[in-house]
């Protein structure tokens, strides 16, 4: 995850926002509940890793145009 550049992370976060907005909101809301910046970043990195793993395994429904 550390080798991924910021534009790639933003693209993935946008995908997650479309596909799983509640998961993303749960991570982001932690800051409002008192979690530190590093904790929120840690949660977002886990979410990104899980999203990538699920996409690679084929267990995520892709949007159809």
N, C-alpha and C. Protein backbone atom coordinates (compact mmCIF):
# COMPACT_ATOMS: atom_id res chain seq x y z
N UNK A 1 0.82 -1.19 0.00
CA UNK A 1 0.00 0.00 0.00
C UNK A 1 0.87 1.25 0.00
N UNK A 2 2.04 1.20 0.63
CA UNK A 2 2.90 2.37 0.68
C UNK A 2 3.44 2.73 -0.70
N UNK A 3 3.56 1.73 -1.59
CA UNK A 3 4.09 2.00 -2.92
C UNK A 3 3.04 2.58 -3.86
N UNK A 4 1.78 2.56 -3.45
CA UNK A 4 0.72 3.10 -4.29
C UNK A 4 0.73 4.62 -4.20
N UNK A 5 0.69 5.27 -5.36
CA UNK A 5 0.71 6.73 -5.36
C UNK A 5 -0.68 7.28 -5.01
N UNK A 6 -0.71 8.55 -4.64
CA UNK A 6 -1.94 9.19 -4.19
C UNK A 6 -3.04 9.17 -5.25
N UNK A 7 -2.74 9.48 -6.52
CA UNK A 7 -3.82 9.43 -7.51
C UNK A 7 -4.47 8.04 -7.62
N UNK A 8 -3.69 6.98 -7.49
CA UNK A 8 -4.24 5.62 -7.53
C UNK A 8 -5.13 5.36 -6.31
N UNK A 9 -4.69 5.84 -5.13
CA UNK A 9 -5.50 5.67 -3.93
C UNK A 9 -6.83 6.43 -4.07
N UNK A 10 -6.77 7.62 -4.63
CA UNK A 10 -7.98 8.43 -4.81
C UNK A 10 -8.94 7.72 -5.76
N UNK A 11 -8.41 7.13 -6.83
CA UNK A 11 -9.24 6.39 -7.78
C UNK A 11 -9.93 5.22 -7.08
N UNK A 12 -9.18 4.49 -6.26
CA UNK A 12 -9.77 3.36 -5.54
C UNK A 12 -10.82 3.82 -4.53
N UNK A 13 -10.54 4.92 -3.83
CA UNK A 13 -11.51 5.45 -2.87
C UNK A 13 -12.79 5.86 -3.61
N UNK A 14 -12.66 6.44 -4.80
CA UNK A 14 -13.84 6.79 -5.59
C UNK A 14 -14.64 5.54 -5.96
N UNK A 15 -13.95 4.46 -6.33
CA UNK A 15 -14.63 3.19 -6.64
C UNK A 15 -15.37 2.66 -5.42
N UNK A 16 -14.71 2.71 -4.28
CA UNK A 16 -15.32 2.23 -3.04
C UNK A 16 -16.54 3.08 -2.70
N UNK A 17 -16.43 4.38 -2.91
CA UNK A 17 -17.53 5.29 -2.62
C UNK A 17 -18.78 4.91 -3.43
N UNK A 18 -18.57 4.49 -4.67
CA UNK A 18 -19.69 4.09 -5.52
C UNK A 18 -20.23 2.72 -5.11
N UNK A 19 -19.32 1.78 -4.83
CA UNK A 19 -19.73 0.40 -4.58
C UNK A 19 -20.11 0.12 -3.13
N UNK A 20 -19.41 0.72 -2.20
CA UNK A 20 -19.62 0.45 -0.78
C UNK A 20 -19.54 1.74 0.04
N UNK A 21 -20.45 2.67 -0.18
CA UNK A 21 -20.34 3.97 0.51
C UNK A 21 -20.40 3.86 2.03
N UNK A 22 -21.14 2.90 2.56
CA UNK A 22 -21.24 2.79 4.02
C UNK A 22 -19.93 2.35 4.65
N UNK A 23 -19.19 1.46 3.97
CA UNK A 23 -17.88 1.06 4.49
C UNK A 23 -16.93 2.25 4.54
N UNK A 24 -16.92 3.02 3.47
CA UNK A 24 -16.05 4.21 3.43
C UNK A 24 -16.46 5.21 4.51
N UNK A 25 -17.75 5.43 4.64
CA UNK A 25 -18.23 6.39 5.65
C UNK A 25 -17.87 5.94 7.06
N UNK A 26 -17.91 4.63 7.29
CA UNK A 26 -17.55 4.12 8.62
C UNK A 26 -16.11 4.42 8.97
N UNK A 27 -15.24 4.33 7.99
CA UNK A 27 -13.82 4.65 8.22
C UNK A 27 -13.63 6.14 8.47
N UNK A 28 -14.22 6.94 7.61
CA UNK A 28 -14.04 8.39 7.70
C UNK A 28 -14.68 8.95 8.98
N UNK A 29 -15.80 8.37 9.40
CA UNK A 29 -16.49 8.85 10.60
C UNK A 29 -15.68 8.65 11.87
N UNK A 30 -14.70 7.76 11.83
CA UNK A 30 -13.89 7.51 13.02
C UNK A 30 -13.18 8.77 13.50
N UNK A 31 -12.82 9.65 12.57
CA UNK A 31 -12.17 10.91 12.96
C UNK A 31 -13.11 11.76 13.80
N UNK A 32 -14.39 11.77 13.45
CA UNK A 32 -15.36 12.55 14.21
C UNK A 32 -15.64 11.93 15.57
N UNK A 33 -15.33 10.64 15.68
CA UNK A 33 -15.55 9.94 16.95
C UNK A 33 -14.31 9.94 17.84
N UNK A 34 -13.28 10.67 17.40
CA UNK A 34 -12.11 10.84 18.24
C UNK A 34 -10.88 10.06 17.84
N UNK A 35 -10.97 9.27 16.79
CA UNK A 35 -9.80 8.51 16.34
C UNK A 35 -8.77 9.46 15.74
N UNK A 36 -7.53 9.15 15.93
CA UNK A 36 -6.45 9.98 15.40
C UNK A 36 -6.28 9.78 13.89
N UNK A 37 -5.53 10.69 13.30
CA UNK A 37 -5.29 10.66 11.86
C UNK A 37 -4.66 9.35 11.42
N UNK A 38 -3.70 8.85 12.19
CA UNK A 38 -3.02 7.61 11.83
C UNK A 38 -3.97 6.42 11.89
N UNK A 39 -4.88 6.44 12.84
CA UNK A 39 -5.85 5.35 12.95
C UNK A 39 -6.79 5.33 11.74
N UNK A 40 -7.24 6.51 11.35
CA UNK A 40 -8.13 6.60 10.18
C UNK A 40 -7.38 6.18 8.92
N UNK A 41 -6.15 6.62 8.78
CA UNK A 41 -5.34 6.22 7.62
C UNK A 41 -5.14 4.70 7.60
N UNK A 42 -4.91 4.12 8.77
CA UNK A 42 -4.76 2.67 8.88
C UNK A 42 -6.03 1.96 8.40
N UNK A 43 -7.19 2.43 8.86
CA UNK A 43 -8.46 1.84 8.44
C UNK A 43 -8.67 1.98 6.94
N UNK A 44 -8.36 3.14 6.39
CA UNK A 44 -8.52 3.35 4.95
C UNK A 44 -7.60 2.43 4.15
N UNK A 45 -6.39 2.23 4.65
CA UNK A 45 -5.46 1.33 3.97
C UNK A 45 -5.98 -0.11 3.98
N UNK A 46 -6.56 -0.52 5.09
CA UNK A 46 -7.16 -1.86 5.15
C UNK A 46 -8.31 -1.95 4.16
N UNK A 47 -9.14 -0.93 4.11
CA UNK A 47 -10.26 -0.92 3.17
C UNK A 47 -9.76 -1.00 1.73
N UNK A 48 -8.70 -0.26 1.40
CA UNK A 48 -8.14 -0.31 0.05
C UNK A 48 -7.60 -1.69 -0.27
N UNK A 49 -6.88 -2.30 0.67
CA UNK A 49 -6.33 -3.64 0.46
C UNK A 49 -7.44 -4.66 0.24
N UNK A 50 -8.47 -4.59 1.07
CA UNK A 50 -9.60 -5.53 0.92
C UNK A 50 -10.30 -5.33 -0.41
N UNK A 51 -10.47 -4.09 -0.81
CA UNK A 51 -11.12 -3.80 -2.10
C UNK A 51 -10.30 -4.37 -3.24
N UNK A 52 -8.99 -4.17 -3.21
CA UNK A 52 -8.12 -4.71 -4.25
C UNK A 52 -8.17 -6.24 -4.28
N UNK A 53 -8.11 -6.85 -3.10
CA UNK A 53 -8.12 -8.32 -3.02
C UNK A 53 -9.44 -8.88 -3.55
N UNK A 54 -10.53 -8.25 -3.20
CA UNK A 54 -11.83 -8.72 -3.68
C UNK A 54 -11.96 -8.55 -5.18
N UNK A 55 -11.45 -7.44 -5.72
CA UNK A 55 -11.49 -7.24 -7.17
C UNK A 55 -10.67 -8.30 -7.88
N UNK A 56 -9.49 -8.60 -7.35
CA UNK A 56 -8.62 -9.61 -7.97
C UNK A 56 -9.21 -11.00 -7.90
N UNK A 57 -9.96 -11.28 -6.83
CA UNK A 57 -10.54 -12.61 -6.67
C UNK A 57 -11.83 -12.77 -7.47
N UNK A 58 -12.37 -11.65 -7.94
CA UNK A 58 -13.62 -11.71 -8.70
C UNK A 58 -14.85 -11.73 -7.82
N UNK A 59 -14.72 -11.43 -6.55
CA UNK A 59 -15.85 -11.45 -5.62
C UNK A 59 -16.54 -10.11 -5.45
N UNK A 60 -16.32 -9.19 -6.37
CA UNK A 60 -16.95 -7.88 -6.31
C UNK A 60 -17.76 -7.70 -7.58
N UNK A 61 -18.99 -7.29 -7.42
CA UNK A 61 -19.81 -7.00 -8.59
C UNK A 61 -19.31 -5.71 -9.21
N UNK A 62 -18.93 -5.78 -10.46
CA UNK A 62 -18.47 -4.61 -11.17
C UNK A 62 -19.67 -3.89 -11.78
N UNK A 63 -19.59 -2.57 -11.87
CA UNK A 63 -20.66 -1.80 -12.48
C UNK A 63 -20.71 -2.11 -13.97
N UNK A 64 -21.90 -2.22 -14.48
CA UNK A 64 -22.05 -2.40 -15.93
C UNK A 64 -22.53 -1.10 -16.53
N UNK A 65 -21.97 -0.76 -17.68
CA UNK A 65 -22.35 0.50 -18.33
C UNK A 65 -23.54 0.32 -19.23
